[in-house]
Structure formats: C-alpha cells, structure tokens
Amino acid sequence: RNHMDKTGVDFAMDVHGDEAIPVSFLAGFEGIPSWTDEQGER
C-alpha cells in the first residue's frame, strides 16, 4: 500500500481462488463511500 501511495493506481486486479463456486468471476467495489457511476461503469 505504501508503494501504491507513491505510484498512484488507475487500474487494479487482486487475483484469488474460490473454494465453492465452480466458475471464474469478478467482484467489484460496490458500496464504497465515494462510489460514482462513472467509476463503476469502467
């Protein structure tokens, strides 16, 4: 996070595995306090 603060972040992907759901999928950031439709649309 400290290095992110130095570089800034425009796009980020955190890569994981899920134990139960037998497909690949994305989870977003709905519910953040600063949510905007523009940010969500990207």
All heavy atoms as atom14 arrays in JSON, in Angstrom:
{
  "sequence": "RNHMDKTGVDFAMDVHGDEAIPVSFLAGFEGIPSWTDEQGER",
  "atom14_mask": [
    [1, 1, 1, 1, 1, 1, 1, 1, 1, 1, 1, 0, 0, 0],
    [1, 1, 1, 1, 1, 1, 1, 1, 0, 0, 0, 0, 0, 0],
    [1, 1, 1, 1, 1, 1, 1, 1, 1, 1, 0, 0, 0, 0],
    [1, 1, 1, 1, 1, 1, 1, 1, 0, 0, 0, 0, 0, 0],
    [1, 1, 1, 1, 1, 1, 1, 1, 0, 0, 0, 0, 0, 0],
    [1, 1, 1, 1, 1, 1, 1, 1, 1, 0, 0, 0, 0, 0],
    [1, 1, 1, 1, 1, 1, 1, 0, 0, 0, 0, 0, 0, 0],
    [1, 1, 1, 1, 0, 0, 0, 0, 0, 0, 0, 0, 0, 0],
    [1, 1, 1, 1, 1, 1, 1, 0, 0, 0, 0, 0, 0, 0],
    [1, 1, 1, 1, 1, 1, 1, 1, 0, 0, 0, 0, 0, 0],
    [1, 1, 1, 1, 1, 1, 1, 1, 1, 1, 1, 0, 0, 0],
    [1, 1, 1, 1, 1, 0, 0, 0, 0, 0, 0, 0, 0, 0],
    [1, 1, 1, 1, 1, 1, 1, 1, 0, 0, 0, 0, 0, 0],
    [1, 1, 1, 1, 1, 1, 1, 1, 0, 0, 0, 0, 0, 0],
    [1, 1, 1, 1, 1, 1, 1, 0, 0, 0, 0, 0, 0, 0],
    [1, 1, 1, 1, 1, 1, 1, 1, 1, 1, 0, 0, 0, 0],
    [1, 1, 1, 1, 0, 0, 0, 0, 0, 0, 0, 0, 0, 0],
    [1, 1, 1, 1, 1, 1, 1, 1, 0, 0, 0, 0, 0, 0],
    [1, 1, 1, 1, 1, 1, 1, 1, 1, 0, 0, 0, 0, 0],
    [1, 1, 1, 1, 1, 0, 0, 0, 0, 0, 0, 0, 0, 0],
    [1, 1, 1, 1, 1, 1, 1, 1, 0, 0, 0, 0, 0, 0],
    [1, 1, 1, 1, 1, 1, 1, 0, 0, 0, 0, 0, 0, 0],
    [1, 1, 1, 1, 1, 1, 1, 0, 0, 0, 0, 0, 0, 0],
    [1, 1, 1, 1, 1, 1, 0, 0, 0, 0, 0, 0, 0, 0],
    [1, 1, 1, 1, 1, 1, 1, 1, 1, 1, 1, 0, 0, 0],
    [1, 1, 1, 1, 1, 1, 1, 1, 0, 0, 0, 0, 0, 0],
    [1, 1, 1, 1, 1, 0, 0, 0, 0, 0, 0, 0, 0, 0],
    [1, 1, 1, 1, 0, 0, 0, 0, 0, 0, 0, 0, 0, 0],
    [1, 1, 1, 1, 1, 1, 1, 1, 1, 1, 1, 0, 0, 0],
    [1, 1, 1, 1, 1, 1, 1, 1, 1, 0, 0, 0, 0, 0],
    [1, 1, 1, 1, 0, 0, 0, 0, 0, 0, 0, 0, 0, 0],
    [1, 1, 1, 1, 1, 1, 1, 1, 0, 0, 0, 0, 0, 0],
    [1, 1, 1, 1, 1, 1, 1, 0, 0, 0, 0, 0, 0, 0],
    [1, 1, 1, 1, 1, 1, 0, 0, 0, 0, 0, 0, 0, 0],
    [1, 1, 1, 1, 1, 1, 1, 1, 1, 1, 1, 1, 1, 1],
    [1, 1, 1, 1, 1, 1, 1, 0, 0, 0, 0, 0, 0, 0],
    [1, 1, 1, 1, 1, 1, 1, 1, 0, 0, 0, 0, 0, 0],
    [1, 1, 1, 1, 1, 1, 1, 1, 1, 0, 0, 0, 0, 0],
    [1, 1, 1, 1, 1, 1, 1, 1, 1, 0, 0, 0, 0, 0],
    [1, 1, 1, 1, 0, 0, 0, 0, 0, 0, 0, 0, 0, 0],
    [1, 1, 1, 1, 1, 1, 1, 1, 1, 0, 0, 0, 0, 0],
    [1, 1, 1, 1, 1, 1, 1, 1, 1, 1, 1, 0, 0, 0]
  ],
  "atom14_positions": [
    [[0.82, -1.21, 0.0], [0.0, 0.0, 0.0], [0.85, 1.26, 0.0], [0.51, 2.25, -0.66], [-0.97, -0.01, 1.18], [-2.22, 0.85, 0.94], [-3.09, 0.96, 2.17], [-2.48, 1.83, 3.17], [-3.06, 2.21, 4.3], [-4.28, 1.77, 4.59], [-2.45, 2.99, 5.15], [0.0, 0.0, 0.0], [0.0, 0.0, 0.0], [0.0, 0.0, 0.0]],
    [[1.97, 1.24, 0.74], [2.87, 2.4, 0.76], [3.42, 2.68, -0.64], [3.55, 3.83, -1.05], [4.02, 2.17, 1.74], [3.61, 2.36, 3.18], [2.53, 2.89, 3.47], [4.44, 1.9, 4.1], [0.0, 0.0, 0.0], [0.0, 0.0, 0.0], [0.0, 0.0, 0.0], [0.0, 0.0, 0.0], [0.0, 0.0, 0.0], [0.0, 0.0, 0.0]],
    [[3.76, 1.62, -1.38], [4.27, 1.81, -2.74], [3.16, 2.28, -3.67], [3.41, 3.1, -4.56], [4.92, 0.53, -3.25], [5.85, 0.75, -4.4], [6.96, 1.58, -4.34], [5.85, 0.27, -5.67], [7.59, 1.59, -5.5], [6.92, 0.81, -6.34], [0.0, 0.0, 0.0], [0.0, 0.0, 0.0], [0.0, 0.0, 0.0], [0.0, 0.0, 0.0]],
    [[1.95, 1.79, -3.48], [0.82, 2.3, -4.25], [0.63, 3.79, -4.04], [0.32, 4.54, -4.97], [-0.46, 1.56, -3.87], [-0.59, 0.16, -4.42], [-2.16, -0.59, -3.86], [-2.21, -2.07, -4.88], [0.0, 0.0, 0.0], [0.0, 0.0, 0.0], [0.0, 0.0, 0.0], [0.0, 0.0, 0.0], [0.0, 0.0, 0.0], [0.0, 0.0, 0.0]],
    [[0.81, 4.24, -2.8], [0.68, 5.66, -2.49], [1.69, 6.49, -3.29], [1.43, 7.63, -3.67], [0.86, 5.92, -1.0], [-0.34, 5.5, -0.17], [-1.44, 5.36, -0.73], [-0.17, 5.3, 1.05], [0.0, 0.0, 0.0], [0.0, 0.0, 0.0], [0.0, 0.0, 0.0], [0.0, 0.0, 0.0], [0.0, 0.0, 0.0], [0.0, 0.0, 0.0]],
    [[2.87, 5.92, -3.56], [3.9, 6.62, -4.32], [3.57, 6.67, -5.82], [3.79, 7.68, -6.47], [5.26, 5.94, -4.12], [5.82, 6.03, -2.71], [7.14, 5.28, -2.62], [7.7, 5.31, -1.19], [8.96, 4.51, -1.08], [0.0, 0.0, 0.0], [0.0, 0.0, 0.0], [0.0, 0.0, 0.0], [0.0, 0.0, 0.0], [0.0, 0.0, 0.0]],
    [[3.04, 5.56, -6.33], [2.83, 5.46, -7.78], [1.47, 5.95, -8.23], [1.29, 6.38, -9.37], [3.0, 4.0, -8.26], [1.92, 3.19, -7.75], [4.34, 3.43, -7.81], [0.0, 0.0, 0.0], [0.0, 0.0, 0.0], [0.0, 0.0, 0.0], [0.0, 0.0, 0.0], [0.0, 0.0, 0.0], [0.0, 0.0, 0.0], [0.0, 0.0, 0.0]],
    [[0.47, 5.86, -7.34], [-0.91, 6.02, -7.75], [-1.44, 4.75, -8.38], [-0.67, 3.87, -8.79], [0.0, 0.0, 0.0], [0.0, 0.0, 0.0], [0.0, 0.0, 0.0], [0.0, 0.0, 0.0], [0.0, 0.0, 0.0], [0.0, 0.0, 0.0], [0.0, 0.0, 0.0], [0.0, 0.0, 0.0], [0.0, 0.0, 0.0], [0.0, 0.0, 0.0]],
    [[-2.74, 4.62, -8.48], [-3.38, 3.44, -9.06], [-4.55, 3.88, -9.93], [-5.46, 4.57, -9.45], [-3.9, 2.47, -7.97], [-4.43, 1.19, -8.63], [-2.82, 2.14, -6.95], [0.0, 0.0, 0.0], [0.0, 0.0, 0.0], [0.0, 0.0, 0.0], [0.0, 0.0, 0.0], [0.0, 0.0, 0.0], [0.0, 0.0, 0.0], [0.0, 0.0, 0.0]],
    [[-4.55, 3.49, -11.19], [-5.68, 3.72, -12.08], [-6.51, 2.46, -12.27], [-7.74, 2.52, -12.37], [-5.18, 4.21, -13.44], [-4.53, 5.57, -13.37], [-5.2, 6.52, -12.95], [-3.33, 5.67, -13.7], [0.0, 0.0, 0.0], [0.0, 0.0, 0.0], [0.0, 0.0, 0.0], [0.0, 0.0, 0.0], [0.0, 0.0, 0.0], [0.0, 0.0, 0.0]],
    [[-5.83, 1.32, -12.35], [-6.49, 0.03, -12.54], [-5.8, -0.97, -11.63], [-4.57, -1.01, -11.55], [-6.39, -0.41, -14.0], [-7.02, -1.74, -14.32], [-8.32, -1.8, -14.82], [-6.35, -2.93, -14.11], [-8.91, -3.01, -15.13], [-6.94, -4.15, -14.4], [-8.22, -4.19, -14.9], [0.0, 0.0, 0.0], [0.0, 0.0, 0.0], [0.0, 0.0, 0.0]],
    [[-6.6, -1.81, -10.93], [-6.02, -2.8, -10.02], [-6.8, -4.09, -10.1], [-8.04, -4.09, -10.12], [-6.01, -2.28, -8.58], [0.0, 0.0, 0.0], [0.0, 0.0, 0.0], [0.0, 0.0, 0.0], [0.0, 0.0, 0.0], [0.0, 0.0, 0.0], [0.0, 0.0, 0.0], [0.0, 0.0, 0.0], [0.0, 0.0, 0.0], [0.0, 0.0, 0.0]],
    [[-6.08, -5.21, -10.13], [-6.7, -6.53, -10.07], [-5.99, -7.35, -8.99], [-4.78, -7.54, -9.02], [-6.62, -7.25, -11.41], [-7.28, -8.63, -11.39], [-7.24, -9.47, -13.0], [-8.51, -8.53, -13.88], [0.0, 0.0, 0.0], [0.0, 0.0, 0.0], [0.0, 0.0, 0.0], [0.0, 0.0, 0.0], [0.0, 0.0, 0.0], [0.0, 0.0, 0.0]],
    [[-6.77, -7.83, -8.04], [-6.33, -8.69, -6.95], [-6.77, -10.11, -7.3], [-7.96, -10.38, -7.39], [-6.95, -8.2, -5.64], [-6.59, -9.05, -4.44], [-5.61, -9.82, -4.51], [-7.3, -8.95, -3.41], [0.0, 0.0, 0.0], [0.0, 0.0, 0.0], [0.0, 0.0, 0.0], [0.0, 0.0, 0.0], [0.0, 0.0, 0.0], [0.0, 0.0, 0.0]],
    [[-5.82, -11.03, -7.5], [-6.12, -12.35, -8.07], [-6.23, -13.4, -6.97], [-5.34, -13.52, -6.12], [-5.06, -12.75, -9.11], [-5.51, -14.01, -9.85], [-4.81, -11.62, -10.1], [0.0, 0.0, 0.0], [0.0, 0.0, 0.0], [0.0, 0.0, 0.0], [0.0, 0.0, 0.0], [0.0, 0.0, 0.0], [0.0, 0.0, 0.0], [0.0, 0.0, 0.0]],
    [[-7.32, -14.18, -7.01], [-7.66, -15.14, -5.96], [-8.18, -16.44, -6.55], [-8.33, -16.59, -7.75], [-8.73, -14.56, -5.03], [-8.25, -13.5, -4.12], [-7.99, -13.71, -2.77], [-7.97, -12.19, -4.34], [-7.58, -12.58, -2.22], [-7.55, -11.65, -3.15], [0.0, 0.0, 0.0], [0.0, 0.0, 0.0], [0.0, 0.0, 0.0], [0.0, 0.0, 0.0]],
    [[-8.52, -17.38, -5.65], [-9.25, -18.59, -5.98], [-10.41, -18.75, -5.02], [-10.32, -18.35, -3.85], [0.0, 0.0, 0.0], [0.0, 0.0, 0.0], [0.0, 0.0, 0.0], [0.0, 0.0, 0.0], [0.0, 0.0, 0.0], [0.0, 0.0, 0.0], [0.0, 0.0, 0.0], [0.0, 0.0, 0.0], [0.0, 0.0, 0.0], [0.0, 0.0, 0.0]],
    [[-11.51, -19.33, -5.49], [-12.69, -19.53, -4.65], [-12.97, -21.02, -4.49], [-13.01, -21.76, -5.48], [-13.92, -18.84, -5.26], [-15.14, -18.97, -4.36], [-15.32, -18.1, -3.49], [-15.91, -19.95, -4.52], [0.0, 0.0, 0.0], [0.0, 0.0, 0.0], [0.0, 0.0, 0.0], [0.0, 0.0, 0.0], [0.0, 0.0, 0.0], [0.0, 0.0, 0.0]],
    [[-13.2, -21.43, -3.25], [-13.32, -22.84, -2.91], [-14.62, -23.47, -3.4], [-14.64, -24.66, -3.74], [-13.21, -23.03, -1.4], [-11.83, -22.75, -0.82], [-11.5, -21.28, -0.65], [-12.4, -20.44, -0.93], [-10.36, -20.96, -0.26], [0.0, 0.0, 0.0], [0.0, 0.0, 0.0], [0.0, 0.0, 0.0], [0.0, 0.0, 0.0], [0.0, 0.0, 0.0]],
    [[-15.71, -22.72, -3.41], [-17.02, -23.32, -3.62], [-17.62, -23.07, -5.0], [-18.32, -23.92, -5.54], [-17.99, -22.84, -2.54], [0.0, 0.0, 0.0], [0.0, 0.0, 0.0], [0.0, 0.0, 0.0], [0.0, 0.0, 0.0], [0.0, 0.0, 0.0], [0.0, 0.0, 0.0], [0.0, 0.0, 0.0], [0.0, 0.0, 0.0], [0.0, 0.0, 0.0]],
    [[-17.42, -21.88, -5.58], [-18.1, -21.5, -6.81], [-17.3, -22.03, -8.01], [-16.14, -21.65, -8.21], [-18.28, -19.98, -6.91], [-19.07, -19.46, -5.7], [-18.98, -19.6, -8.2], [-19.24, -17.95, -5.66], [0.0, 0.0, 0.0], [0.0, 0.0, 0.0], [0.0, 0.0, 0.0], [0.0, 0.0, 0.0], [0.0, 0.0, 0.0], [0.0, 0.0, 0.0]],
    [[-17.88, -22.91, -8.83], [-17.12, -23.59, -9.89], [-17.03, -22.81, -11.2], [-17.19, -23.39, -12.28], [-17.92, -24.89, -10.06], [-19.32, -24.49, -9.78], [-19.25, -23.43, -8.71], [0.0, 0.0, 0.0], [0.0, 0.0, 0.0], [0.0, 0.0, 0.0], [0.0, 0.0, 0.0], [0.0, 0.0, 0.0], [0.0, 0.0, 0.0], [0.0, 0.0, 0.0]],
    [[-16.7, -21.54, -11.12], [-16.54, -20.7, -12.3], [-15.54, -19.6, -11.96], [-15.22, -19.37, -10.79], [-17.88, -20.05, -12.74], [-18.84, -21.08, -13.31], [-18.52, -19.28, -11.59], [0.0, 0.0, 0.0], [0.0, 0.0, 0.0], [0.0, 0.0, 0.0], [0.0, 0.0, 0.0], [0.0, 0.0, 0.0], [0.0, 0.0, 0.0], [0.0, 0.0, 0.0]],
    [[-15.08, -18.89, -12.98], [-14.31, -17.68, -12.78], [-15.24, -16.47, -12.83], [-16.17, -16.42, -13.63], [-13.23, -17.54, -13.85], [-12.28, -18.57, -13.75], [0.0, 0.0, 0.0], [0.0, 0.0, 0.0], [0.0, 0.0, 0.0], [0.0, 0.0, 0.0], [0.0, 0.0, 0.0], [0.0, 0.0, 0.0], [0.0, 0.0, 0.0], [0.0, 0.0, 0.0]],
    [[-14.97, -15.48, -11.97], [-15.81, -14.29, -11.91], [-15.05, -13.14, -11.29], [-13.96, -13.32, -10.73], [-17.1, -14.57, -11.12], [-16.88, -14.97, -9.67], [-16.93, -14.04, -8.66], [-16.63, -16.29, -9.34], [-16.74, -14.41, -7.33], [-16.42, -16.68, -8.02], [-16.48, -15.73, -7.02], [0.0, 0.0, 0.0], [0.0, 0.0, 0.0], [0.0, 0.0, 0.0]],
    [[-15.61, -11.95, -11.38], [-15.05, -10.75, -10.78], [-15.93, -10.26, -9.65], [-17.15, -10.41, -9.68], [-14.91, -9.62, -11.82], [-13.82, -9.77, -12.88], [-13.95, -8.63, -13.9], [-12.43, -9.76, -12.27], [0.0, 0.0, 0.0], [0.0, 0.0, 0.0], [0.0, 0.0, 0.0], [0.0, 0.0, 0.0], [0.0, 0.0, 0.0], [0.0, 0.0, 0.0]],
    [[-15.31, -9.66, -8.65], [-16.01, -8.93, -7.61], [-15.51, -7.49, -7.63], [-14.3, -7.25, -7.72], [-15.77, -9.56, -6.24], [0.0, 0.0, 0.0], [0.0, 0.0, 0.0], [0.0, 0.0, 0.0], [0.0, 0.0, 0.0], [0.0, 0.0, 0.0], [0.0, 0.0, 0.0], [0.0, 0.0, 0.0], [0.0, 0.0, 0.0], [0.0, 0.0, 0.0]],
    [[-16.44, -6.54, -7.56], [-16.09, -5.15, -7.67], [-16.08, -4.44, -6.33], [-15.84, -5.04, -5.28], [0.0, 0.0, 0.0], [0.0, 0.0, 0.0], [0.0, 0.0, 0.0], [0.0, 0.0, 0.0], [0.0, 0.0, 0.0], [0.0, 0.0, 0.0], [0.0, 0.0, 0.0], [0.0, 0.0, 0.0], [0.0, 0.0, 0.0], [0.0, 0.0, 0.0]],
    [[-16.39, -3.14, -6.35], [-16.24, -2.29, -5.19], [-17.54, -1.54, -4.87], [-17.52, -0.45, -4.3], [-15.1, -1.29, -5.4], [-15.16, -0.58, -6.72], [-15.82, 0.62, -6.88], [-14.55, -1.13, -7.84], [-15.89, 1.27, -8.09], [-14.61, -0.49, -9.07], [-15.27, 0.71, -9.19], [0.0, 0.0, 0.0], [0.0, 0.0, 0.0], [0.0, 0.0, 0.0]],
    [[-18.65, -2.13, -5.27], [-19.93, -1.53, -4.92], [-20.01, -1.31, -3.4], [-19.61, -2.15, -2.62], [-21.08, -2.42, -5.36], [-21.2, -2.62, -6.86], [-20.38, -3.77, -7.41], [-19.59, -4.37, -6.63], [-20.51, -4.08, -8.61], [0.0, 0.0, 0.0], [0.0, 0.0, 0.0], [0.0, 0.0, 0.0], [0.0, 0.0, 0.0], [0.0, 0.0, 0.0]],
    [[-20.53, -0.21, -3.01], [-20.69, 0.07, -1.59], [-19.62, 0.94, -0.98], [-19.71, 1.3, 0.2], [0.0, 0.0, 0.0], [0.0, 0.0, 0.0], [0.0, 0.0, 0.0], [0.0, 0.0, 0.0], [0.0, 0.0, 0.0], [0.0, 0.0, 0.0], [0.0, 0.0, 0.0], [0.0, 0.0, 0.0], [0.0, 0.0, 0.0], [0.0, 0.0, 0.0]],
    [[-18.57, 1.33, -1.75], [-17.58, 2.23, -1.17], [-18.2, 3.61, -0.98], [-19.08, 4.02, -1.73], [-16.3, 2.33, -2.04], [-16.6, 2.94, -3.42], [-15.64, 0.95, -2.17], [-15.33, 3.27, -4.22], [0.0, 0.0, 0.0], [0.0, 0.0, 0.0], [0.0, 0.0, 0.0], [0.0, 0.0, 0.0], [0.0, 0.0, 0.0], [0.0, 0.0, 0.0]],
    [[-17.77, 4.35, 0.04], [-18.4, 5.66, 0.32], [-18.33, 6.64, -0.84], [-19.24, 7.45, -1.04], [-17.6, 6.17, 1.53], [-17.09, 4.93, 2.2], [-16.82, 3.96, 1.1], [0.0, 0.0, 0.0], [0.0, 0.0, 0.0], [0.0, 0.0, 0.0], [0.0, 0.0, 0.0], [0.0, 0.0, 0.0], [0.0, 0.0, 0.0], [0.0, 0.0, 0.0]],
    [[-17.25, 6.6, -1.64], [-17.07, 7.58, -2.71], [-17.56, 7.07, -4.06], [-17.22, 7.66, -5.1], [-15.59, 7.96, -2.82], [-14.81, 6.84, -3.21], [0.0, 0.0, 0.0], [0.0, 0.0, 0.0], [0.0, 0.0, 0.0], [0.0, 0.0, 0.0], [0.0, 0.0, 0.0], [0.0, 0.0, 0.0], [0.0, 0.0, 0.0], [0.0, 0.0, 0.0]],
    [[-18.35, 6.01, -4.08], [-18.81, 5.42, -5.33], [-19.42, 6.46, -6.26], [-20.19, 7.32, -5.83], [-19.86, 4.34, -5.04], [-20.63, 3.87, -6.24], [-21.75, 4.43, -6.79], [-20.32, 2.74, -7.07], [-22.15, 3.72, -7.89], [-21.3, 2.68, -8.1], [-19.32, 1.77, -7.05], [-21.3, 1.68, -9.07], [-19.32, 0.77, -8.03], [-20.31, 0.74, -9.01]],
    [[-19.03, 6.42, -7.53], [-19.69, 7.2, -8.57], [-20.06, 6.25, -9.7], [-19.42, 5.22, -9.91], [-18.79, 8.31, -9.12], [-17.67, 7.73, -9.82], [-18.29, 9.24, -8.02], [0.0, 0.0, 0.0], [0.0, 0.0, 0.0], [0.0, 0.0, 0.0], [0.0, 0.0, 0.0], [0.0, 0.0, 0.0], [0.0, 0.0, 0.0], [0.0, 0.0, 0.0]],
    [[-21.1, 6.62, -10.44], [-21.5, 5.8, -11.57], [-20.39, 5.73, -12.63], [-20.23, 4.72, -13.31], [-22.78, 6.34, -12.19], [-23.99, 6.14, -11.29], [-23.92, 5.28, -10.38], [-25.0, 6.84, -11.51], [0.0, 0.0, 0.0], [0.0, 0.0, 0.0], [0.0, 0.0, 0.0], [0.0, 0.0, 0.0], [0.0, 0.0, 0.0], [0.0, 0.0, 0.0]],
    [[-19.64, 6.83, -12.78], [-18.55, 6.84, -13.75], [-17.48, 5.81, -13.4], [-17.0, 5.07, -14.26], [-17.93, 8.24, -13.83], [-18.83, 9.28, -14.47], [-19.83, 9.86, -13.5], [-19.8, 9.51, -12.3], [-20.68, 10.67, -13.93], [0.0, 0.0, 0.0], [0.0, 0.0, 0.0], [0.0, 0.0, 0.0], [0.0, 0.0, 0.0], [0.0, 0.0, 0.0]],
    [[-17.1, 5.78, -12.13], [-16.1, 4.82, -11.69], [-16.62, 3.39, -11.83], [-15.91, 2.51, -12.32], [-15.71, 5.09, -10.22], [-14.57, 4.23, -9.72], [-14.28, 4.49, -8.25], [-15.05, 5.19, -7.58], [-13.2, 3.96, -7.71], [0.0, 0.0, 0.0], [0.0, 0.0, 0.0], [0.0, 0.0, 0.0], [0.0, 0.0, 0.0], [0.0, 0.0, 0.0]],
    [[-17.85, 3.16, -11.42], [-18.44, 1.84, -11.54], [-18.58, 1.39, -12.98], [-18.4, 0.2, -13.29], [0.0, 0.0, 0.0], [0.0, 0.0, 0.0], [0.0, 0.0, 0.0], [0.0, 0.0, 0.0], [0.0, 0.0, 0.0], [0.0, 0.0, 0.0], [0.0, 0.0, 0.0], [0.0, 0.0, 0.0], [0.0, 0.0, 0.0], [0.0, 0.0, 0.0]],
    [[-18.9, 2.33, -13.87], [-19.1, 1.97, -15.27], [-17.83, 1.43, -15.89], [-17.88, 0.51, -16.73], [-19.6, 3.18, -16.05], [-20.24, 2.84, -17.4], [-19.23, 2.7, -18.51], [-18.11, 3.24, -18.36], [-19.53, 2.05, -19.52], [0.0, 0.0, 0.0], [0.0, 0.0, 0.0], [0.0, 0.0, 0.0], [0.0, 0.0, 0.0], [0.0, 0.0, 0.0]],
    [[-16.66, 1.96, -15.5], [-15.4, 1.45, -16.02], [-15.2, -0.02, -15.62], [-14.74, -0.84, -16.42], [-14.23, 2.31, -15.54], [-14.25, 3.72, -16.07], [-12.93, 4.43, -15.85], [-12.6, 4.62, -14.45], [-12.96, 5.67, -13.72], [-13.69, 6.63, -14.27], [-12.59, 5.77, -12.46], [0.0, 0.0, 0.0], [0.0, 0.0, 0.0], [0.0, 0.0, 0.0]]
  ]
}
